[in-house]
């Protein structure tokens, strides 16, 4: 569970979010790419996951927009 405390309009707000663990047990590094919903040729590298390492992704990043897909690819 991911917890983010914020102050909005002089009031404290706590946002709880689930996280997803991505574990790389392949022989090559992996990258998580966020594809632009307008221009499909543009992408943002969210994270690189080295061999036998893990990365915790906030679930709101994965489901922020149904038109903005997340891809997991091999990093060469």
C-alpha atoms as a PDB file:
ATOM      1  CA  UNK A   1       0.000   0.000   0.000  1.00  0.00           C
ATOM      2  CA  UNK A   2       1.350   3.413  -0.987  1.00  0.00           C
ATOM      3  CA  UNK A   3       0.452   6.393   1.183  1.00  0.00           C
ATOM      4  CA  UNK A   4       0.765  10.028   0.097  1.00  0.00           C
ATOM      5  CA  UNK A   5      -0.033  12.830   2.560  1.00  0.00           C
ATOM      6  CA  UNK A   6      -0.996  16.182   1.015  1.00  0.00           C
ATOM      7  CA  UNK A   7      -2.324  19.506   2.262  1.00  0.00           C
ATOM      8  CA  UNK A   8      -5.135  20.913   0.105  1.00  0.00           C
ATOM      9  CA  UNK A   9      -7.123  24.014   1.093  1.00  0.00           C
ATOM     10  CA  UNK A  10      -5.576  24.001   4.592  1.00  0.00           C
ATOM     11  CA  UNK A  11      -6.739  20.426   5.157  1.00  0.00           C
ATOM     12  CA  UNK A  12      -4.686  17.277   5.295  1.00  0.00           C
ATOM     13  CA  UNK A  13      -5.547  14.682   2.684  1.00  0.00           C
ATOM     14  CA  UNK A  14      -4.167  11.141   2.649  1.00  0.00           C
ATOM     15  CA  UNK A  15      -4.226   9.269  -0.640  1.00  0.00           C
ATOM     16  CA  UNK A  16      -3.907   5.488  -0.469  1.00  0.00           C
ATOM     17  CA  UNK A  17      -2.915   3.556  -3.558  1.00  0.00           C
ATOM     18  CA  UNK A  18      -2.062  -0.046  -4.230  1.00  0.00           C
ATOM     19  CA  UNK A  19       1.230  -0.966  -5.804  1.00  0.00           C
ATOM     20  CA  UNK A  20       2.150  -3.751  -8.204  1.00  0.00           C
ATOM     21  CA  UNK A  21       5.450  -5.607  -7.921  1.00  0.00           C
ATOM     22  CA  UNK A  22       7.162  -6.398 -11.224  1.00  0.00           C
ATOM     23  CA  UNK A  23      10.014  -8.909 -10.845  1.00  0.00           C
ATOM     24  CA  UNK A  24      12.539  -9.499 -13.615  1.00  0.00           C
ATOM     25  CA  UNK A  25      13.725 -13.107 -13.693  1.00  0.00           C
ATOM     26  CA  UNK A  26      14.849 -12.959 -17.331  1.00  0.00           C
ATOM     27  CA  UNK A  27      18.409 -12.760 -18.632  1.00  0.00           C
ATOM     28  CA  UNK A  28      18.042  -9.188 -19.956  1.00  0.00           C
ATOM     29  CA  UNK A  29      17.051  -5.884 -18.334  1.00  0.00           C
ATOM     30  CA  UNK A  30      13.414  -4.842 -18.776  1.00  0.00           C
ATOM     31  CA  UNK A  31      11.933  -1.387 -19.250  1.00  0.00           C
ATOM     32  CA  UNK A  32       8.455  -0.123 -18.486  1.00  0.00           C
ATOM     33  CA  UNK A  33       7.283   2.256 -21.207  1.00  0.00           C
ATOM     34  CA  UNK A  34       4.374   4.675 -21.072  1.00  0.00           C
ATOM     35  CA  UNK A  35       3.088   5.312 -24.618  1.00  0.00           C
ATOM     36  CA  UNK A  36       1.701   8.760 -25.498  1.00  0.00           C
ATOM     37  CA  UNK A  37      -2.039   8.520 -26.176  1.00  0.00           C
ATOM     38  CA  UNK A  38      -1.906  11.139 -28.956  1.00  0.00           C
ATOM     39  CA  UNK A  39       1.324  10.248 -30.769  1.00  0.00           C
ATOM     40  CA  UNK A  40       1.899   6.485 -30.632  1.00  0.00           C
ATOM     41  CA  UNK A  41       5.536   6.897 -31.769  1.00  0.00           C
ATOM     42  CA  UNK A  42       6.442   8.772 -28.571  1.00  0.00           C
ATOM     43  CA  UNK A  43       7.092   6.974 -25.313  1.00  0.00           C
ATOM     44  CA  UNK A  44       8.417   7.741 -21.854  1.00  0.00           C
ATOM     45  CA  UNK A  45      10.715   5.280 -20.079  1.00  0.00           C
ATOM     46  CA  UNK A  46       9.146   4.914 -16.635  1.00  0.00           C
ATOM     47  CA  UNK A  47      11.656   2.477 -15.157  1.00  0.00           C
ATOM     48  CA  UNK A  48      14.427   0.016 -15.936  1.00  0.00           C
ATOM     49  CA  UNK A  49      14.373  -3.298 -14.083  1.00  0.00           C
ATOM     50  CA  UNK A  50      17.737  -5.049 -13.927  1.00  0.00           C
ATOM     51  CA  UNK A  51      18.184  -8.824 -13.922  1.00  0.00           C
ATOM     52  CA  UNK A  52      16.838 -10.493 -10.745  1.00  0.00           C
ATOM     53  CA  UNK A  53      15.575  -7.161  -9.407  1.00  0.00           C
ATOM     54  CA  UNK A  54      12.068  -5.909  -8.757  1.00  0.00           C
ATOM     55  CA  UNK A  55      10.233  -2.623  -9.194  1.00  0.00           C
ATOM     56  CA  UNK A  56       7.118  -1.404  -7.455  1.00  0.00           C
ATOM     57  CA  UNK A  57       4.694   0.437  -9.719  1.00  0.00           C
ATOM     58  CA  UNK A  58       1.809   2.488  -8.293  1.00  0.00           C
ATOM     59  CA  UNK A  59      -1.388   1.016  -9.691  1.00  0.00           C
ATOM     60  CA  UNK A  60      -2.666   4.475 -10.661  1.00  0.00           C
ATOM     61  CA  UNK A  61       0.232   4.680 -13.164  1.00  0.00           C
ATOM     62  CA  UNK A  62      -0.975   1.484 -14.821  1.00  0.00           C
ATOM     63  CA  UNK A  63      -4.615   2.571 -14.913  1.00  0.00           C
ATOM     64  CA  UNK A  64      -4.264   6.376 -15.195  1.00  0.00           C
ATOM     65  CA  UNK A  65      -5.922   6.341 -18.607  1.00  0.00           C
ATOM     66  CA  UNK A  66      -7.352   3.530 -20.655  1.00  0.00           C
ATOM     67  CA  UNK A  67      -5.988   5.200 -23.797  1.00  0.00           C
ATOM     68  CA  UNK A  68      -2.427   5.397 -22.410  1.00  0.00           C
ATOM     69  CA  UNK A  69      -1.095   1.837 -22.376  1.00  0.00           C
ATOM     70  CA  UNK A  70       1.935   0.630 -20.415  1.00  0.00           C
ATOM     71  CA  UNK A  71       4.362  -1.752 -22.116  1.00  0.00           C
ATOM     72  CA  UNK A  72       7.071  -3.946 -20.617  1.00  0.00           C
ATOM     73  CA  UNK A  73       9.921  -4.479 -23.078  1.00  0.00           C
ATOM     74  CA  UNK A  74      13.494  -5.797 -23.221  1.00  0.00           C
ATOM     75  CA  UNK A  75      16.153  -3.098 -22.795  1.00  0.00           C
ATOM     76  CA  UNK A  76      19.050  -3.549 -25.215  1.00  0.00           C
END
